[in-house]
Amino acid sequence: MVPPPSRTEILSLFRSFLRSARQFPDYNIREYTKRRTVDAFHGNKSLSNPSSVVAAFTDGKYQLQVAKRQALVYSFYCPKTKSIMDT
């Protein structure tokens, strides 16, 4: 049985998600990623069963890797002009 992650590990994962969201060049995708991150962490805040906490944390780590890959792909194909939302 894998022990549940500590509060520090969970906050580290949360901050990593927010950092990876900043890597998206498109404003809409960047803000969607931030919103989705906050919503997911707030939704999982009430988990009390250790196995469900471990499952959510493992899924979160996997989703972080997906977000990092997507940010890299989006950076290759981003438009060269800046959006007015990016100031």
Protein backbone atom coordinates (compact mmCIF):
# COMPACT_ATOMS: atom_id res chain seq x y z
CA MET A 1 0.00 0.00 0.00
CA VAL A 2 1.35 3.38 -1.01
CA PRO A 3 1.15 6.03 1.72
CA PRO A 4 -0.97 9.09 0.90
CA PRO A 5 0.95 12.16 -0.26
CA SER A 6 1.77 14.84 2.26
CA ARG A 7 0.32 18.33 2.17
CA THR A 8 3.65 19.63 0.89
CA GLU A 9 3.62 17.20 -2.04
CA ILE A 10 0.05 18.16 -2.94
CA LEU A 11 0.84 21.89 -2.83
CA SER A 12 3.94 21.26 -4.90
CA LEU A 13 1.82 19.51 -7.53
CA PHE A 14 -0.64 22.43 -7.49
CA ARG A 15 2.15 24.98 -8.00
CA SER A 16 3.63 22.85 -10.78
CA PHE A 17 0.29 22.91 -12.57
CA LEU A 18 0.11 26.69 -12.30
CA ARG A 19 3.69 27.02 -13.56
CA SER A 20 2.95 24.78 -16.53
CA ALA A 21 -0.17 26.84 -17.29
CA ARG A 22 2.04 29.92 -17.66
CA GLN A 23 3.94 28.16 -20.45
CA PHE A 24 0.95 28.23 -22.83
CA PRO A 25 1.37 31.06 -25.32
CA ASP A 26 -2.38 31.41 -25.96
CA TYR A 27 -4.30 33.44 -23.38
CA ASN A 28 -7.49 31.35 -23.58
CA ILE A 29 -5.71 28.04 -23.09
CA ARG A 30 -3.55 29.47 -20.33
CA GLU A 31 -6.57 30.75 -18.39
CA TYR A 32 -8.53 27.54 -19.01
CA THR A 33 -5.65 25.50 -17.59
CA LYS A 34 -5.48 27.69 -14.50
CA ARG A 35 -9.24 27.50 -13.96
CA ARG A 36 -9.31 23.75 -14.49
CA THR A 37 -6.43 23.28 -12.04
CA VAL A 38 -8.10 25.26 -9.28
CA ASP A 39 -11.44 23.53 -9.84
CA ALA A 40 -9.89 20.06 -9.78
CA PHE A 41 -7.97 20.71 -6.58
CA HIS A 42 -11.01 22.24 -4.88
CA GLY A 43 -13.07 19.24 -5.95
CA ASN A 44 -10.57 16.80 -4.49
CA LYS A 45 -10.16 18.79 -1.28
CA SER A 46 -12.86 16.77 0.47
CA LEU A 47 -11.30 13.35 -0.25
CA SER A 48 -10.71 11.47 2.98
CA ASN A 49 -10.15 7.87 1.91
CA PRO A 50 -6.35 7.35 1.62
CA SER A 51 -6.67 5.16 -1.47
CA SER A 52 -8.74 7.79 -3.28
CA VAL A 53 -6.23 10.49 -2.29
CA VAL A 54 -3.39 8.38 -3.70
CA ALA A 55 -5.39 7.73 -6.90
CA ALA A 56 -6.16 11.45 -7.34
CA PHE A 57 -2.52 12.39 -6.70
CA THR A 58 -1.26 9.79 -9.19
CA ASP A 59 -3.76 11.01 -11.79
CA GLY A 60 -2.67 14.59 -11.08
CA LYS A 61 0.97 13.74 -11.73
CA TYR A 62 0.00 12.10 -15.01
CA GLN A 63 -2.11 15.12 -16.01
CA LEU A 64 0.81 17.41 -15.20
CA GLN A 65 3.00 15.53 -17.66
CA VAL A 66 0.26 15.85 -20.28
CA ALA A 67 -0.02 19.60 -19.64
CA LYS A 68 3.75 20.03 -19.98
CA ARG A 69 3.75 18.16 -23.31
CA GLN A 70 0.81 20.18 -24.58
CA ALA A 71 2.49 23.46 -23.62
CA LEU A 72 5.54 22.40 -25.61
CA VAL A 73 3.46 21.48 -28.65
CA TYR A 74 1.48 24.73 -28.46
CA SER A 75 4.71 26.72 -28.29
CA PHE A 76 5.77 25.27 -31.65
CA TYR A 77 2.56 26.35 -33.38
CA CYS A 78 1.67 29.57 -31.61
CA PRO A 79 0.87 32.63 -33.69
CA LYS A 80 3.66 35.17 -33.98
CA THR A 81 1.37 38.11 -33.17
CA LYS A 82 0.57 38.99 -29.58
CA SER A 83 -2.99 38.97 -28.31
CA ILE A 84 -4.38 42.16 -26.78
CA MET A 85 -5.05 40.10 -23.65
CA ASP A 86 -1.30 39.60 -23.17
CA THR A 87 0.02 42.76 -21.62
